[in-house]
């Protein structure tokens, strides 16, 4: 049996998406001027009826009634009454004067219904809610970093490996080539180490020279420059952990750590300890890399990399082939959720303003 398709989304949410992108609304209504929102949900004299949207198109007013279902004569009668009341309000000087254009947005209509609407001074617009919501997501992702950031694998399998390069920076060595010569590593390796350091806010680059940030200075002051230089100290772990928790969308590497810990947390609610194969699949989905990490090798390598980062920060542990969340990891998750929510709310607020 073929299931009927229904639009299970409220009119208010579709309206929110339209209002957030008046350019899309302009294109949908085939208007030439940039639109300005006058009011949403304008209450009429009856107190029960509300006009969905009233926008300005140059000197004209656009009365817009939005539906997420097919055409009905009731909808047309409704907007015709709204138009009459707006004209009356104009005559009383209660709203701005100007020609009133009426638009009724529905998901399906016949040619005859479009003709009848035109005869009643209403332009019937057939639209697709899915296209509108896709457009909303596209525009939101342009300003909301949490929607477009994805982890990248730079070939650094342990965070402690960046310590030697940062130590040279603290001594005044600022160019990749010189750092590579000092610590006997390839230029490519140094490039990747510094790139990861930048992603954690430890290093800044200017004119192909690298310098420690204030956070980088603090980080390197807590380094043990001995045979264990490639291991993070407890203070370094805390510095990086706080940095990730406060801004999980700061960079692709920071986001990768958030994703691997979040993946482990979600899996733990179904089965614990966590199998690496399950973690890989969940990490691929949460990180938004389903299309990029299709090859098993690239997926496994990326999962190992960010799992190692999380282990370096003592957020996750690996016992045999199974992964566990440490007590510090569970506390970290709560901090992540808090700051993640703040970042997302601020991004959404910026978009809606």
Protein backbone atom coordinates (compact mmCIF):
# COMPACT_ATOMS: atom_id res chain seq x y z
CA UNK A 1 0.00 0.00 0.00
CA UNK A 2 1.36 3.40 -0.95
CA UNK A 3 1.43 5.86 1.90
CA UNK A 4 0.06 9.33 1.38
CA UNK A 5 2.50 12.15 1.76
CA UNK A 6 1.65 14.76 4.36
CA UNK A 7 3.38 17.96 5.35
CA UNK A 8 3.94 17.40 9.04
CA UNK A 9 5.31 20.83 9.79
CA UNK A 10 3.46 23.74 11.35
CA UNK A 11 2.61 26.91 9.49
CA UNK A 12 4.39 28.95 12.14
CA UNK A 13 7.69 27.15 11.49
CA UNK A 14 7.39 27.63 7.73
CA UNK A 15 6.57 31.26 8.42
CA UNK A 16 9.71 31.58 10.56
CA UNK A 17 11.79 30.24 7.68
CA UNK A 18 10.20 32.69 5.23
CA UNK A 19 10.69 35.70 7.49
CA UNK A 20 14.35 34.82 8.02
CA UNK A 21 14.95 35.04 4.27
CA UNK A 22 12.89 37.79 2.68
CA UNK A 23 14.95 37.48 -0.50
CA UNK A 24 13.55 33.97 -0.99
CA UNK A 25 10.06 35.31 -0.33
CA UNK A 26 10.64 38.05 -2.91
CA UNK A 27 11.62 35.43 -5.49
CA UNK A 28 8.69 33.20 -4.54
CA UNK A 29 6.20 36.04 -5.02
CA UNK A 30 7.98 37.23 -8.19
CA UNK A 31 8.41 40.78 -6.90
CA UNK A 32 11.05 43.26 -8.00
CA UNK A 33 11.68 45.32 -4.85
CA UNK A 34 13.47 44.21 -1.69
CA UNK A 35 10.85 43.34 0.89
CA UNK A 36 10.55 44.84 4.37
CA UNK A 37 8.67 43.07 7.12
CA UNK A 38 5.94 45.23 8.65
CA UNK A 39 4.27 42.79 11.01
CA UNK A 40 3.64 39.10 11.66
CA UNK A 41 0.39 37.66 12.99
CA UNK A 42 -1.50 40.96 12.79
CA UNK A 43 -4.59 40.68 14.99
CA UNK A 44 -7.78 41.91 13.38
CA UNK A 45 -10.86 43.45 14.99
CA UNK A 46 -12.51 40.10 15.58
CA UNK A 47 -9.64 39.21 17.91
CA UNK A 48 -9.59 35.66 16.64
CA UNK A 49 -8.27 36.14 13.11
CA UNK A 50 -4.65 37.00 12.39
CA UNK A 51 -2.91 37.95 9.15
CA UNK A 52 0.18 35.78 8.76
CA UNK A 53 2.49 38.34 7.15
CA UNK A 54 2.31 41.94 6.07
CA UNK A 55 5.38 43.14 4.16
CA UNK A 56 6.24 46.24 2.15
CA UNK A 57 7.12 45.94 -1.53
CA UNK A 58 8.28 49.48 -2.30
CA UNK A 59 5.19 51.62 -1.70
CA UNK A 60 2.85 48.63 -1.90
CA UNK A 61 1.68 46.38 0.93
CA UNK A 62 1.75 42.61 0.54
CA UNK A 63 -0.85 40.66 2.47
CA UNK A 64 0.39 37.07 2.72
CA UNK A 65 -1.59 34.10 3.96
CA UNK A 66 0.51 30.96 4.34
CA UNK A 67 -0.79 27.38 4.30
CA UNK A 68 1.04 24.04 4.39
CA UNK A 69 -1.72 22.17 2.59
CA UNK A 70 -3.58 22.27 -0.72
CA UNK A 71 -5.95 25.03 -1.77
CA UNK A 72 -9.35 25.46 -0.17
CA UNK A 73 -12.09 27.97 -0.97
CA UNK A 74 -12.12 28.78 2.75
CA UNK A 75 -8.56 30.06 2.46
CA UNK A 76 -9.53 32.37 -0.38
CA UNK A 77 -12.57 33.68 1.49
CA UNK A 78 -10.34 34.25 4.50
CA UNK A 79 -7.78 36.38 2.66
CA UNK A 80 -10.50 38.34 0.84
CA UNK A 81 -11.92 39.32 4.23
CA UNK A 82 -8.47 40.22 5.48
CA UNK A 83 -7.98 42.50 2.49
CA UNK A 84 -11.28 44.30 3.13
CA UNK A 85 -10.36 44.89 6.75
CA UNK A 86 -6.91 46.21 5.83
CA UNK A 87 -8.48 48.69 3.42
CA UNK A 88 -10.81 49.82 6.20
CA UNK A 89 -7.85 50.24 8.59
CA UNK A 90 -6.10 52.33 5.91
CA UNK A 91 -9.14 54.58 5.58
CA UNK A 92 -9.03 55.11 9.35
CA UNK A 93 -5.32 55.97 9.23
CA UNK A 94 -4.42 53.01 11.45
CA UNK A 95 -1.95 51.47 8.99
CA UNK A 96 0.17 52.93 6.23
CA UNK A 97 -1.50 53.68 2.92
CA UNK A 98 -0.59 51.97 -0.33
CA UNK A 99 -1.84 49.46 -2.81
CA UNK A 100 -2.58 46.10 -1.18
CA UNK A 101 -1.42 42.96 -2.99
CA UNK A 102 -2.89 39.70 -1.71
CA UNK A 103 -0.97 36.42 -1.86
CA UNK A 104 -2.22 33.00 -0.83
CA UNK A 105 0.52 30.36 -0.53
CA UNK A 106 -0.58 26.72 -0.80
CA UNK A 107 1.10 23.43 -1.68
CA UNK A 108 -1.28 22.40 -4.45
CA UNK A 109 -3.86 24.12 -6.67
CA UNK A 110 -5.57 23.67 -10.02
CA UNK A 111 -5.53 26.14 -12.91
CA UNK A 112 -9.21 26.86 -12.24
CA UNK A 113 -8.48 27.67 -8.59
CA UNK A 114 -5.68 29.99 -9.65
CA UNK A 115 -8.08 31.71 -12.04
CA UNK A 116 -10.76 32.12 -9.35
CA UNK A 117 -8.19 33.57 -6.96
CA UNK A 118 -7.06 36.12 -9.54
CA UNK A 119 -10.68 37.14 -10.06
CA UNK A 120 -10.77 37.87 -6.31
CA UNK A 121 -7.63 40.04 -6.47
CA UNK A 122 -5.50 37.35 -4.89
CA UNK A 123 -2.44 35.76 -6.43
CA UNK A 124 -2.35 32.06 -5.68
CA UNK A 125 1.22 30.81 -5.23
CA UNK A 126 1.96 27.09 -5.24
CA UNK A 127 5.14 26.35 -3.30
CA UNK A 128 7.00 23.38 -1.85
CA UNK A 129 7.67 23.56 1.93
CA UNK A 130 10.64 21.23 1.53
CA UNK A 131 12.34 23.63 -0.91
CA UNK A 132 11.75 26.48 1.53
CA UNK A 133 13.26 24.58 4.47
CA UNK A 134 16.24 23.50 2.37
CA UNK A 135 16.82 27.13 1.45
CA UNK A 136 16.58 28.11 5.11
CA UNK A 137 19.20 25.52 6.04
CA UNK A 138 21.50 26.65 3.23
CA UNK A 139 21.37 30.27 4.37
CA UNK A 140 21.70 29.38 8.03
CA UNK A 141 24.76 27.21 7.41
CA UNK A 142 26.48 30.21 5.81
CA UNK A 143 26.52 32.03 9.15
CA UNK A 144 26.26 29.23 11.71
CA UNK A 145 29.64 27.47 12.10
CA UNK A 146 28.15 24.47 13.90
CA UNK A 147 26.38 23.48 10.66
CA UNK A 148 29.30 23.62 8.25
CA UNK A 149 32.36 22.64 10.29
CA UNK A 150 33.73 19.12 9.84
CA UNK A 151 36.79 17.41 11.35
CA UNK A 152 39.91 17.01 9.23
CA UNK A 153 42.69 14.50 9.68
CA UNK A 154 46.12 16.18 9.46
CA UNK A 155 48.14 13.03 10.08
CA UNK A 156 49.03 13.85 13.68
CA UNK A 157 48.11 10.85 15.82
CA UNK A 158 48.94 12.26 19.25
CA UNK A 159 48.58 15.78 20.60
CA UNK A 160 51.86 15.50 22.47
CA UNK A 161 53.72 15.36 19.15
CA UNK A 162 53.22 19.11 18.70
CA UNK A 163 55.25 19.87 21.84
CA UNK A 164 58.70 19.85 20.23
CA UNK A 165 57.71 22.37 17.58
CA UNK A 166 56.06 24.64 20.15
CA UNK A 167 59.13 24.49 22.35
CA UNK A 168 61.22 25.82 19.44
CA UNK A 169 58.69 28.63 18.94
CA UNK A 170 59.14 29.57 22.60
CA UNK A 171 62.87 29.90 21.90
CA UNK A 172 62.27 32.36 19.07
CA UNK A 173 62.47 30.01 16.10
CA UNK A 174 59.56 31.06 13.91
CA UNK A 175 59.92 29.42 10.49
CA UNK A 176 58.89 25.86 9.59
CA UNK A 177 62.17 25.03 7.85
CA UNK A 178 64.26 26.08 10.83
CA UNK A 179 62.04 24.18 13.26
CA UNK A 180 62.32 21.06 11.08
CA UNK A 181 66.13 21.33 11.09
CA UNK A 182 66.25 21.84 14.86
CA UNK A 183 64.20 18.78 15.80
CA UNK A 184 65.12 16.59 12.79
CA UNK A 185 61.63 16.14 11.38
CA UNK A 186 60.39 16.63 7.83
CA UNK A 187 58.99 19.99 6.80
CA UNK A 188 55.67 18.27 6.10
CA UNK A 189 55.48 16.91 9.64
CA UNK A 190 56.26 20.31 11.15
CA UNK A 191 53.63 21.90 8.91
CA UNK A 192 51.02 19.46 10.23
CA UNK A 193 52.11 19.90 13.86
CA UNK A 194 51.82 23.67 13.61
CA UNK A 195 48.50 23.36 11.82
CA UNK A 196 47.07 21.29 14.67
CA UNK A 197 48.51 23.76 17.18
CA UNK A 198 46.72 26.59 15.36
CA UNK A 199 43.47 24.65 15.57
CA UNK A 200 43.78 24.61 19.35
CA UNK A 201 44.51 28.33 19.55
CA UNK A 202 48.12 27.77 20.60
CA UNK A 203 49.82 29.31 17.56
CA UNK A 204 49.19 32.17 15.17
CA UNK A 205 50.73 32.66 11.74
CA UNK A 206 51.89 35.92 10.14
CA UNK A 207 53.82 36.19 6.87
CA UNK A 208 54.80 32.49 7.02
CA UNK A 209 56.21 32.97 10.51
CA UNK A 210 54.69 31.26 13.53
CA UNK A 211 54.32 32.60 17.06
CA UNK A 212 52.83 31.34 20.29
CA UNK A 213 49.57 32.89 21.41
CA UNK A 214 48.96 33.78 25.06
CA UNK A 215 47.33 30.37 25.44
CA UNK A 216 50.33 28.81 23.68
CA UNK A 217 52.68 30.51 26.15
CA UNK A 218 50.66 29.11 29.03
CA UNK A 219 50.62 25.69 27.40
CA UNK A 220 54.40 25.59 26.83
CA UNK A 221 55.11 26.79 30.39
CA UNK A 222 53.52 23.56 31.56
CA UNK A 223 55.69 21.40 29.29
CA UNK A 224 58.22 18.94 30.67
CA UNK A 225 61.13 19.29 28.24
CA UNK A 226 62.74 15.95 28.98
CA UNK A 227 62.52 12.42 27.60
CA UNK A 228 58.74 12.58 28.03
CA UNK A 229 58.37 15.73 25.97
CA UNK A 230 55.86 14.04 23.62
CA UNK A 231 53.46 13.39 26.47
CA UNK A 232 50.96 15.93 27.68
CA UNK A 233 51.30 17.01 31.29
CA UNK A 234 48.22 17.12 33.51
CA UNK A 235 48.19 20.93 33.25
CA UNK A 236 48.43 20.81 29.45
CA UNK A 237 45.56 18.34 29.36
CA UNK A 238 43.45 20.69 31.45
CA UNK A 239 44.31 23.68 29.24
CA UNK A 240 43.27 21.86 26.05
CA UNK A 241 40.24 20.28 27.67
CA UNK A 242 38.89 23.63 28.80
CA UNK A 243 39.56 25.11 25.38
CA UNK A 244 37.58 22.37 23.61
CA UNK A 245 34.71 22.51 26.09
CA UNK A 246 34.33 26.30 25.85
CA UNK A 247 34.18 26.39 22.05
CA UNK A 248 33.54 22.97 20.45
CA UNK A 249 33.16 24.65 17.04
CA UNK A 250 36.43 26.60 17.15
CA UNK A 251 38.17 24.49 14.50
CA UNK A 252 37.94 21.20 12.65
CA UNK A 253 40.26 19.44 15.12
CA UNK A 254 38.41 20.73 18.16
CA UNK A 255 35.12 19.74 16.55
CA UNK A 256 36.54 16.29 15.85
CA UNK A 257 37.22 15.74 19.55
CA UNK A 258 33.71 16.88 20.39
CA UNK A 259 32.30 14.46 17.78
CA UNK A 260 34.26 11.42 18.97
CA UNK A 261 33.28 12.00 22.62
CA UNK A 262 29.67 12.68 21.67
CA UNK A 263 29.65 9.50 19.57
CA UNK A 264 30.91 7.45 22.48
CA UNK A 265 28.35 8.99 24.81
CA UNK A 266 25.42 8.25 22.48
CA UNK A 267 26.57 4.66 21.94
CA UNK A 268 27.01 4.11 25.68
CA UNK A 269 23.26 4.48 26.14
CA UNK A 270 22.73 1.31 24.10
CA UNK A 271 25.79 -0.83 24.81
CA UNK A 272 28.82 -0.44 27.04
CA UNK A 273 31.81 -0.71 26.68
CA UNK A 274 31.84 0.57 23.09
CA UNK A 275 33.11 -1.38 20.10
CA UNK A 276 35.50 0.45 17.79
CA UNK A 277 33.49 -0.50 14.68
CA UNK A 278 30.34 1.03 16.21
CA UNK A 279 32.28 4.12 17.21
CA UNK A 280 33.58 4.57 13.65
CA UNK A 281 30.09 4.46 12.12
CA UNK A 282 28.64 6.88 14.68
CA UNK A 283 31.63 9.23 14.38
CA UNK A 284 31.29 9.28 10.59
CA UNK A 285 27.64 10.33 10.89
CA UNK A 286 27.95 12.90 13.69
CA UNK A 287 31.00 14.55 12.12
CA UNK A 288 29.18 15.00 8.79
CA UNK A 289 31.76 12.99 6.86
CA UNK A 290 29.57 10.21 5.43
CA UNK A 291 30.41 11.25 1.87
CA UNK A 292 34.11 12.01 2.47
CA UNK A 293 35.05 8.95 4.56
CA UNK A 294 33.49 6.24 2.42
CA UNK A 295 36.66 4.15 2.21
CA UNK A 296 37.11 1.96 5.28
CA UNK A 297 40.78 2.89 5.58
CA UNK A 298 40.16 6.64 5.68
CA UNK A 299 37.32 6.18 8.17
CA UNK A 300 39.39 3.96 10.45
CA UNK A 301 42.39 6.30 10.30
CA UNK A 302 40.28 9.35 11.16
CA UNK A 303 38.53 7.51 13.99
CA UNK A 304 41.86 6.35 15.44
CA UNK A 305 43.26 9.89 15.20
CA UNK A 306 40.47 11.59 17.10
CA UNK A 307 40.09 8.67 19.49
CA UNK A 308 43.79 9.11 20.32
CA UNK A 309 43.24 12.85 20.83
CA UNK A 310 40.39 12.10 23.24
CA UNK A 311 42.57 9.53 25.02
CA UNK A 312 45.40 12.10 25.23
CA UNK A 313 42.96 14.43 27.01
CA UNK A 314 41.85 11.55 29.28
CA UNK A 315 38.25 11.84 28.08
CA UNK A 316 38.08 8.34 26.63
CA UNK A 317 40.02 5.19 27.40
CA UNK A 318 40.79 2.08 25.36
CA UNK A 319 40.98 -1.31 27.04
CA UNK A 320 41.80 -4.03 24.56
CA UNK A 321 39.52 -3.36 21.61
CA UNK A 322 36.82 -1.66 23.62
CA UNK A 323 36.38 2.03 24.37
CA UNK A 324 35.19 3.48 27.66
CA UNK A 325 34.30 6.97 28.81
CA UNK A 326 36.39 8.13 31.74
CA UNK A 327 34.90 9.91 34.79
CA UNK A 328 36.55 13.11 33.48
CA UNK A 329 34.94 12.36 30.12
CA UNK A 330 31.44 12.23 31.60
CA UNK A 331 32.01 15.57 33.36
CA UNK A 332 33.44 16.96 30.13
CA UNK A 333 30.30 15.95 28.20
CA UNK A 334 28.16 18.09 30.50
CA UNK A 335 30.42 21.09 29.89
CA UNK A 336 30.36 20.41 26.15
CA UNK A 337 26.57 20.34 26.07
CA UNK A 338 26.38 23.66 27.90
CA UNK A 339 28.83 25.53 25.68
CA UNK A 340 27.59 23.83 22.51
CA UNK A 341 24.10 25.11 23.27
CA UNK A 342 25.39 28.64 23.88
CA UNK A 343 27.28 28.66 20.57
CA UNK A 344 24.27 27.36 18.65
CA UNK A 345 21.86 29.84 20.25
CA UNK A 346 24.19 32.75 19.50
CA UNK A 347 24.55 31.64 15.86
CA UNK A 348 20.79 31.28 15.44
CA UNK A 349 20.20 34.64 17.09
CA UNK A 350 22.65 36.29 14.70
CA UNK A 351 20.89 34.73 11.72
CA UNK A 352 17.39 35.69 12.89
CA UNK A 353 18.43 39.28 13.62
